């Protein structure tokens, strides 16, 4: 199996280095169509078929497949992503008569296959959980004081920042890119696996399958929460399921972390992507300060009082100053860039139409969920776009029209 693994790794690196003419969600058109087709036919499709042979339903709503390597896992997960995207059916469904609609998969990687899928907060004992929750409250008060007074923006910024920079929450990280999840499953971030546990796992979930359980939430933090943008990161909120990533249906792909292929690296446009950048000094200072406040204060009310007192004394961390958080205009354009990937990852699908342009389908239920999670952000977008010329941006106009309607309810 060593040679096929090495060949598949090379195929992944070549495939992620081909010139892309157009891309929307998991759909791509390549400048060198023949080279892409050859890669699929000779290397990628056989690898996907190999994993598919192992797939089985292990319990109600849970499907499990075994892959020989991280690259096998990636291509199999991407094939499933394309299937539910193009077929418009829930994960696991083979009913051709089932109503079609936009469907998206999200992925969470875990380094140890035998660990439960549980939030970072619920892995801690109760006293530590309280400290972490008060640390998030400190960040929320900080961002409300120095960035945006709106409750939803301050809260979303705080929980996203906390989750991505080391403070435990009930949010479980997911990505719309399967290779991001595979990277997390193969790299030592956080807890260490037992020496005898050699397998990692990636769990694939869908928005629809999480409804009524640990629900998928689409939070749109500002760009200084940089890891969200780097990883195309979204979240599953496990607060209602005691920290467990539970849903109606999921797919788990298990695979060896260490193989003949060596390290799994995420490639974008021919270059390695730094998936988990080292926090800089300002980020570390802010996280350390928040946890200190959480440790010192006995309640959220005490947290608010302490942060306000430190603000009056000029004793708060200077993250706000280093990131120019006082200059909102500086953040608007990069903040809006989140639409470049989040719409196609959550609530819009594209289908090739021949002849003619790409045909887009917008899932209004998902758009409304996106708006409800980020009301102030969408209120600003909708207000600023009144009377704008949306020529060439019909999808964005339709999304904003739905947002306007949701905000009015």
Protein backbone atom coordinates (compact mmCIF):
# COMPACT_ATOMS: atom_id res chain seq x y z
CA UNK A 1 0.00 0.00 0.00
CA UNK A 2 3.00 2.36 0.37
CA UNK A 3 3.29 3.18 -3.35
CA UNK A 4 -0.44 3.95 -3.86
CA UNK A 5 -0.35 6.28 -0.82
CA UNK A 6 2.66 8.18 -2.13
CA UNK A 7 1.08 8.38 -5.58
CA UNK A 8 -2.16 9.72 -4.10
CA UNK A 9 -0.30 12.34 -2.09
CA UNK A 10 1.37 13.52 -5.30
CA UNK A 11 -1.99 13.51 -7.05
CA UNK A 12 -3.45 15.72 -4.27
CA UNK A 13 -0.56 18.19 -4.56
CA UNK A 14 -0.83 18.24 -8.36
CA UNK A 15 -4.63 18.56 -8.27
CA UNK A 16 -4.42 21.49 -5.82
CA UNK A 17 -1.83 23.14 -8.07
CA UNK A 18 -3.80 23.07 -11.34
CA UNK A 19 -4.99 26.41 -12.68
CA UNK A 20 -8.67 26.88 -11.80
CA UNK A 21 -10.87 28.75 -14.27
CA UNK A 22 -13.96 28.89 -12.07
CA UNK A 23 -14.76 27.56 -8.61
CA UNK A 24 -17.95 27.57 -6.58
CA UNK A 25 -18.27 25.43 -3.48
CA UNK A 26 -16.87 21.98 -4.32
CA UNK A 27 -17.31 22.53 -8.08
CA UNK A 28 -14.30 23.43 -10.21
CA UNK A 29 -13.42 23.97 -13.85
CA UNK A 30 -9.74 23.63 -14.73
CA UNK A 31 -7.71 25.31 -17.43
CA UNK A 32 -6.11 21.94 -18.19
CA UNK A 33 -9.24 19.80 -18.22
CA UNK A 34 -7.40 16.79 -19.65
CA UNK A 35 -4.82 16.76 -16.82
CA UNK A 36 -7.55 17.00 -14.18
CA UNK A 37 -9.53 14.20 -15.84
CA UNK A 38 -6.46 11.99 -16.02
CA UNK A 39 -5.72 12.50 -12.32
CA UNK A 40 -9.27 11.55 -11.43
CA UNK A 41 -9.45 8.54 -13.70
CA UNK A 42 -6.06 7.03 -12.91
CA UNK A 43 -5.50 7.89 -9.23
CA UNK A 44 -8.31 9.71 -7.43
CA UNK A 45 -11.37 7.68 -8.46
CA UNK A 46 -9.78 4.32 -7.59
CA UNK A 47 -8.82 5.70 -4.16
CA UNK A 48 -12.38 6.90 -3.54
CA UNK A 49 -13.77 3.52 -4.62
CA UNK A 50 -11.42 1.74 -2.21
CA UNK A 51 -12.73 3.72 0.76
CA UNK A 52 -16.33 3.38 -0.41
CA UNK A 53 -16.02 -0.42 -0.23
CA UNK A 54 -15.49 -0.16 3.54
CA UNK A 55 -18.41 2.20 4.26
CA UNK A 56 -21.14 0.81 6.49
CA UNK A 57 -23.93 1.96 8.74
CA UNK A 58 -22.84 1.22 12.31
CA UNK A 59 -25.80 2.63 14.23
CA UNK A 60 -28.87 4.78 13.70
CA UNK A 61 -27.74 7.66 11.54
CA UNK A 62 -23.99 6.93 11.77
CA UNK A 63 -21.97 5.82 8.75
CA UNK A 64 -18.31 4.81 9.10
CA UNK A 65 -15.63 4.26 6.45
CA UNK A 66 -11.99 3.23 6.75
CA UNK A 67 -9.27 4.88 4.66
CA UNK A 68 -5.63 3.78 4.22
CA UNK A 69 -4.26 7.34 4.44
CA UNK A 70 -5.18 10.99 5.01
CA UNK A 71 -5.23 11.56 1.24
CA UNK A 72 -7.68 8.70 0.70
CA UNK A 73 -9.84 10.21 3.43
CA UNK A 74 -9.74 13.65 1.84
CA UNK A 75 -10.75 12.52 -1.65
CA UNK A 76 -13.52 10.30 -0.30
CA UNK A 77 -14.92 13.12 1.86
CA UNK A 78 -14.77 15.51 -1.07
CA UNK A 79 -16.60 13.02 -3.25
CA UNK A 80 -19.37 12.83 -0.63
CA UNK A 81 -19.42 16.61 -0.44
CA UNK A 82 -19.93 16.88 -4.19
CA UNK A 83 -22.62 14.20 -4.15
CA UNK A 84 -24.87 15.85 -1.57
CA UNK A 85 -24.17 19.24 -3.18
CA UNK A 86 -25.16 18.16 -6.68
CA UNK A 87 -27.85 15.66 -5.70
CA UNK A 88 -29.40 18.07 -3.22
CA UNK A 89 -30.21 15.27 -0.79
CA UNK A 90 -29.30 14.82 2.87
CA UNK A 91 -26.14 12.94 3.76
CA UNK A 92 -26.79 9.20 3.60
CA UNK A 93 -29.90 9.43 1.44
CA UNK A 94 -30.17 7.39 -1.76
CA UNK A 95 -33.85 8.10 -2.37
CA UNK A 96 -34.02 9.63 -5.85
CA UNK A 97 -37.59 10.78 -5.21
CA UNK A 98 -36.62 12.85 -2.17
CA UNK A 99 -37.13 16.62 -2.73
CA UNK A 100 -34.01 18.32 -3.92
CA UNK A 101 -32.49 21.45 -2.44
CA UNK A 102 -29.20 23.06 -1.61
CA UNK A 103 -27.17 20.90 0.78
CA UNK A 104 -23.68 21.38 2.18
CA UNK A 105 -21.32 19.25 4.22
CA UNK A 106 -19.05 20.45 7.02
CA UNK A 107 -16.07 18.63 8.48
CA UNK A 108 -14.45 18.22 11.89
CA UNK A 109 -11.11 16.48 12.31
CA UNK A 110 -10.02 14.73 15.48
CA UNK A 111 -6.57 13.30 16.07
CA UNK A 112 -7.70 10.31 18.11
CA UNK A 113 -10.44 8.19 16.50
CA UNK A 114 -11.62 6.75 19.81
CA UNK A 115 -12.26 10.08 21.49
CA UNK A 116 -15.85 11.18 21.82
CA UNK A 117 -16.87 14.14 19.67
CA UNK A 118 -17.28 16.57 22.55
CA UNK A 119 -16.69 20.30 23.00
CA UNK A 120 -13.50 21.59 24.58
CA UNK A 121 -15.52 23.12 27.43
CA UNK A 122 -17.14 19.83 28.50
CA UNK A 123 -13.76 18.10 28.65
CA UNK A 124 -12.97 20.24 31.70
CA UNK A 125 -14.14 19.80 35.28
CA UNK A 126 -16.88 22.19 36.52
CA UNK A 127 -14.62 24.74 38.24
CA UNK A 128 -12.47 25.09 35.11
CA UNK A 129 -15.61 25.37 32.97
CA UNK A 130 -16.71 28.37 35.03
CA UNK A 131 -13.34 30.06 34.55
CA UNK A 132 -13.50 29.55 30.78
CA UNK A 133 -17.07 30.89 30.58
CA UNK A 134 -16.11 34.00 32.54
CA UNK A 135 -13.06 34.43 30.29
CA UNK A 136 -15.40 34.52 27.29
CA UNK A 137 -17.53 37.09 29.16
CA UNK A 138 -14.39 39.20 29.67
CA UNK A 139 -13.65 39.10 25.94
CA UNK A 140 -17.24 40.03 25.17
CA UNK A 141 -17.02 43.07 27.44
CA UNK A 142 -13.65 43.97 25.92
CA UNK A 143 -14.91 43.89 22.34
CA UNK A 144 -18.08 45.75 23.32
CA UNK A 145 -15.92 48.51 24.82
CA UNK A 146 -13.34 48.76 22.07
CA UNK A 147 -14.91 47.53 18.83
CA UNK A 148 -18.71 47.36 18.60
CA UNK A 149 -21.32 48.05 21.26
CA UNK A 150 -23.83 45.76 19.52
CA UNK A 151 -24.51 42.73 21.69
CA UNK A 152 -24.45 40.19 18.85
CA UNK A 153 -21.22 41.44 17.28
CA UNK A 154 -19.44 41.60 20.64
CA UNK A 155 -20.67 38.14 21.60
CA UNK A 156 -19.88 36.51 18.25
CA UNK A 157 -16.43 38.08 18.17
CA UNK A 158 -15.72 36.93 21.71
CA UNK A 159 -16.78 33.29 21.29
CA UNK A 160 -15.02 32.95 17.92
CA UNK A 161 -11.83 34.51 19.26
CA UNK A 162 -11.97 32.36 22.39
CA UNK A 163 -12.58 29.13 20.47
CA UNK A 164 -9.79 29.75 17.98
CA UNK A 165 -7.18 30.99 20.44
CA UNK A 166 -7.42 28.53 23.29
CA UNK A 167 -10.33 29.38 25.60
CA UNK A 168 -12.78 26.49 25.81
CA UNK A 169 -16.39 26.97 24.67
CA UNK A 170 -19.36 24.79 23.74
CA UNK A 171 -18.68 25.51 20.07
CA UNK A 172 -17.15 22.70 18.04
CA UNK A 173 -14.97 23.85 15.14
CA UNK A 174 -15.97 22.69 11.67
CA UNK A 175 -14.75 23.69 8.21
CA UNK A 176 -16.36 23.62 4.79
CA UNK A 177 -13.02 22.30 3.44
CA UNK A 178 -12.36 18.61 4.09
CA UNK A 179 -8.59 18.95 3.85
CA UNK A 180 -8.63 21.47 6.71
CA UNK A 181 -10.34 18.82 8.85
CA UNK A 182 -7.85 16.17 7.73
CA UNK A 183 -5.00 18.49 8.73
CA UNK A 184 -6.41 18.88 12.25
CA UNK A 185 -6.82 15.12 12.46
CA UNK A 186 -3.14 14.57 11.64
CA UNK A 187 -1.45 17.36 13.62
CA UNK A 188 -0.96 17.62 17.40
CA UNK A 189 -3.23 20.54 18.35
CA UNK A 190 -4.43 20.35 21.96
CA UNK A 191 -4.61 17.02 23.78
CA UNK A 192 -2.20 14.19 22.99
CA UNK A 193 -3.42 10.78 21.80
CA UNK A 194 -2.51 7.60 23.69
CA UNK A 195 0.60 5.97 22.22
CA UNK A 196 -1.34 2.93 21.00
CA UNK A 197 -4.03 4.97 19.18
CA UNK A 198 -2.79 5.32 15.61
CA UNK A 199 -6.01 6.29 13.86
CA UNK A 200 -7.54 9.72 13.34
CA UNK A 201 -11.08 10.52 12.27
CA UNK A 202 -12.97 13.19 10.34
CA UNK A 203 -16.69 13.56 10.94
CA UNK A 204 -18.87 15.02 8.20
CA UNK A 205 -22.18 16.64 9.15
CA UNK A 206 -24.79 18.70 7.34
CA UNK A 207 -26.84 21.70 8.43
CA UNK A 208 -30.14 19.89 7.99
CA UNK A 209 -29.01 16.81 9.92
CA UNK A 210 -28.00 18.96 12.91
CA UNK A 211 -31.35 20.70 13.25
CA UNK A 212 -33.00 20.01 16.58
CA UNK A 213 -29.73 18.68 18.06
CA UNK A 214 -26.26 20.25 18.18
CA UNK A 215 -27.07 22.88 15.57
CA UNK A 216 -24.70 24.34 13.00
CA UNK A 217 -24.20 28.07 13.52
CA UNK A 218 -22.82 30.48 10.95
CA UNK A 219 -20.97 33.21 12.86
CA UNK A 220 -19.26 35.98 10.87
CA UNK A 221 -16.61 37.55 13.09
CA UNK A 222 -14.45 40.51 12.02
CA UNK A 223 -11.20 39.77 10.14
CA UNK A 224 -8.91 40.13 13.14
CA UNK A 225 -10.28 36.72 14.20
CA UNK A 226 -8.00 35.54 11.43
CA UNK A 227 -8.17 31.77 11.89
CA UNK A 228 -11.85 31.70 10.91
CA UNK A 229 -10.92 33.18 7.52
CA UNK A 230 -7.82 31.01 7.12
CA UNK A 231 -9.67 27.78 7.88
CA UNK A 232 -13.06 28.67 6.36
CA UNK A 233 -14.32 27.94 9.83
CA UNK A 234 -17.89 27.55 11.08
CA UNK A 235 -19.23 25.99 14.27
CA UNK A 236 -21.59 23.46 15.77
CA UNK A 237 -23.18 24.73 18.99
CA UNK A 238 -23.26 21.81 21.42
CA UNK A 239 -24.70 23.70 24.42
CA UNK A 240 -28.07 21.97 24.08
CA UNK A 241 -26.51 18.49 23.83
CA UNK A 242 -24.18 18.64 26.87
CA UNK A 243 -21.19 19.33 24.65
CA UNK A 244 -21.68 16.35 22.35
CA UNK A 245 -21.66 16.71 18.58
CA UNK A 246 -24.94 14.90 18.11
CA UNK A 247 -27.12 14.98 15.01
CA UNK A 248 -29.57 12.90 13.05
CA UNK A 249 -26.95 11.60 10.63
CA UNK A 250 -23.18 11.79 10.21
CA UNK A 251 -20.32 10.19 8.33
CA UNK A 252 -17.06 9.25 10.06
CA UNK A 253 -13.93 8.45 8.06
CA UNK A 254 -11.13 6.83 10.06
CA UNK A 255 -7.55 6.58 8.84
CA UNK A 256 -3.95 6.14 9.96
CA UNK A 257 -2.31 9.43 10.93
CA UNK A 258 1.19 8.32 9.97
CA UNK A 259 1.75 6.62 6.63
CA UNK A 260 4.33 6.32 3.87
CA UNK A 261 3.10 9.66 2.54
CA UNK A 262 4.56 11.57 5.49
CA UNK A 263 3.01 14.83 6.67
CA UNK A 264 -0.37 15.90 5.33
CA UNK A 265 -0.13 19.51 4.16
CA UNK A 266 -3.04 21.59 2.91
CA UNK A 267 -2.27 22.98 -0.54
CA UNK A 268 -3.94 26.02 -2.08
CA UNK A 269 -3.07 27.19 -5.60
CA UNK A 270 0.14 25.19 -5.51
CA UNK A 271 1.35 26.50 -2.14
CA UNK A 272 1.15 25.09 1.39
CA UNK A 273 -1.44 26.83 3.58
CA UNK A 274 -0.56 27.74 7.16
CA UNK A 275 -3.67 26.25 8.72
CA UNK A 276 -2.96 27.09 12.36
CA UNK A 277 -0.76 30.22 12.54
CA UNK A 278 1.08 30.69 15.82
CA UNK A 279 -0.76 33.34 17.89
CA UNK A 280 1.19 36.56 18.00
CA UNK A 281 2.16 38.41 21.16
CA UNK A 282 -0.97 40.60 21.15
CA UNK A 283 -3.33 37.63 20.74
CA UNK A 284 -1.55 35.73 23.52
CA UNK A 285 -1.76 38.74 25.82
CA UNK A 286 -5.49 39.14 25.26
CA UNK A 287 -6.21 35.46 25.90
CA UNK A 288 -4.02 35.42 29.01
CA UNK A 289 -5.76 38.54 30.33
CA UNK A 290 -9.24 37.09 29.70
CA UNK A 291 -8.42 33.87 31.53
CA UNK A 292 -6.93 35.84 34.44
CA UNK A 293 -10.14 37.86 34.69
CA UNK A 294 -12.16 34.65 34.52
CA UNK A 295 -10.08 33.15 37.32
CA UNK A 296 -10.24 36.23 39.54
CA UNK A 297 -13.94 37.06 39.21
CA UNK A 298 -16.62 34.89 40.83
CA UNK A 299 -19.44 35.86 38.46
CA UNK A 300 -20.19 37.42 35.05
CA UNK A 301 -21.33 40.59 36.84
CA UNK A 302 -17.96 40.82 38.58
CA UNK A 303 -16.27 40.33 35.20
CA UNK A 304 -18.14 43.33 33.79
CA UNK A 305 -17.21 45.48 36.76
CA UNK A 306 -13.52 44.52 36.52
CA UNK A 307 -13.27 45.18 32.78
CA UNK A 308 -14.93 48.58 33.16
CA UNK A 309 -12.61 49.49 36.04
CA UNK A 310 -9.54 48.46 34.03
CA UNK A 311 -10.77 50.48 31.07
CA UNK A 312 -11.08 53.59 33.25
CA UNK A 313 -7.56 52.98 34.53
CA UNK A 314 -6.18 52.41 31.01
CA UNK A 315 -5.07 48.93 32.07
CA UNK A 316 -6.71 46.78 29.39
CA UNK A 317 -4.58 44.85 26.85
CA UNK A 318 -3.58 46.93 23.83
CA UNK A 319 -4.92 44.45 21.27
CA UNK A 320 -7.57 47.01 20.30
CA UNK A 321 -4.88 49.56 19.57
CA UNK A 322 -2.54 47.17 17.70
CA UNK A 323 -5.43 46.00 15.48
CA UNK A 324 -6.80 49.53 14.89
CA UNK A 325 -10.17 48.44 16.26
CA UNK A 326 -11.09 52.10 16.72
CA UNK A 327 -11.04 52.49 12.91
CA UNK A 328 -14.09 50.50 11.81
CA UNK A 329 -13.73 51.61 8.18
CA UNK A 330 -10.40 49.78 7.97
CA UNK A 331 -12.11 46.47 8.78
CA UNK A 332 -15.18 46.76 6.54
CA UNK A 333 -13.69 45.60 3.23
CA UNK A 334 -11.84 42.55 4.62
CA UNK A 335 -14.90 41.75 6.74
CA UNK A 336 -17.11 41.73 3.65
CA UNK A 337 -14.64 39.34 1.99
CA UNK A 338 -16.16 36.59 4.14
CA UNK A 339 -19.00 36.53 1.59
CA UNK A 340 -16.46 35.22 -0.95
CA UNK A 341 -16.68 31.78 0.66
CA UNK A 342 -19.37 31.69 3.33
CA UNK A 343 -22.42 31.93 1.02
CA UNK A 344 -21.33 29.10 -1.25
CA UNK A 345 -20.37 27.08 1.83
CA UNK A 346 -23.66 27.50 3.67
CA UNK A 347 -26.74 28.59 1.74
CA UNK A 348 -26.10 28.80 -2.03
CA UNK A 349 -25.39 26.04 -4.52
CA UNK A 350 -24.40 26.30 -8.16
CA UNK A 351 -25.27 23.88 -10.90
CA UNK A 352 -23.73 23.81 -14.37
CA UNK A 353 -26.24 24.73 -17.05
CA UNK A 354 -25.44 23.89 -20.64
CA UNK A 355 -25.81 25.96 -22.65
CA UNK A 356 -25.84 29.12 -20.58
CA UNK A 357 -24.34 30.50 -17.37
CA UNK A 358 -24.13 28.73 -14.02
CA UNK A 359 -27.51 28.29 -12.34
CA UNK A 360 -27.59 29.26 -8.67
CA UNK A 361 -30.02 28.02 -6.04
CA UNK A 362 -30.50 29.87 -2.77
CA UNK A 363 -31.80 28.12 0.32
CA UNK A 364 -33.89 30.74 2.05
CA UNK A 365 -34.07 28.83 5.34
CA UNK A 366 -30.30 28.79 5.61
CA UNK A 367 -29.99 32.44 4.62
CA UNK A 368 -32.43 33.37 7.38
CA UNK A 369 -30.41 31.30 9.88
CA UNK A 370 -27.27 33.15 8.78
CA UNK A 371 -29.02 36.49 9.28
CA UNK A 372 -30.41 35.55 12.70
CA UNK A 373 -26.92 34.65 13.89
CA UNK A 374 -25.44 37.95 12.62
CA UNK A 375 -28.29 40.51 12.64
CA UNK A 376 -26.25 43.70 13.09
CA UNK A 377 -23.78 42.70 10.37
CA UNK A 378 -26.60 42.07 7.89
CA UNK A 379 -28.50 45.18 8.93
CA UNK A 380 -25.42 47.23 8.05
CA UNK A 381 -24.94 45.37 4.74
CA UNK A 382 -28.58 45.74 3.73
CA UNK A 383 -28.67 49.42 4.70
CA UNK A 384 -25.46 50.23 2.82
CA UNK A 385 -26.68 48.42 -0.31
CA UNK A 386 -29.96 50.34 -0.70
CA UNK A 387 -30.10 51.64 -4.27
CA UNK A 388 -26.87 49.87 -5.22
CA UNK A 389 -26.29 48.48 -8.72
CA UNK A 390 -26.19 44.69 -8.35
CA UNK A 391 -25.40 43.97 -12.00
CA UNK A 392 -23.30 40.82 -11.99
CA UNK A 393 -24.14 40.15 -8.32
CA UNK A 394 -27.63 38.66 -8.57
CA UNK A 395 -26.94 36.05 -5.87
CA UNK A 396 -25.81 38.67 -3.36
CA UNK A 397 -28.87 40.78 -4.14
CA UNK A 398 -31.18 37.81 -3.54
CA UNK A 399 -29.43 37.06 -0.24
CA UNK A 400 -29.75 40.69 0.86
CA UNK A 401 -33.45 40.71 -0.12
CA UNK A 402 -34.02 37.67 2.10
CA UNK A 403 -31.99 39.31 4.85
CA UNK A 404 -34.10 42.45 4.64
CA UNK A 405 -37.25 40.39 4.98
CA UNK A 406 -35.87 38.41 7.94
CA UNK A 407 -34.71 41.56 9.74
CA UNK A 408 -38.21 43.02 9.36
CA UNK A 409 -39.87 40.07 11.11
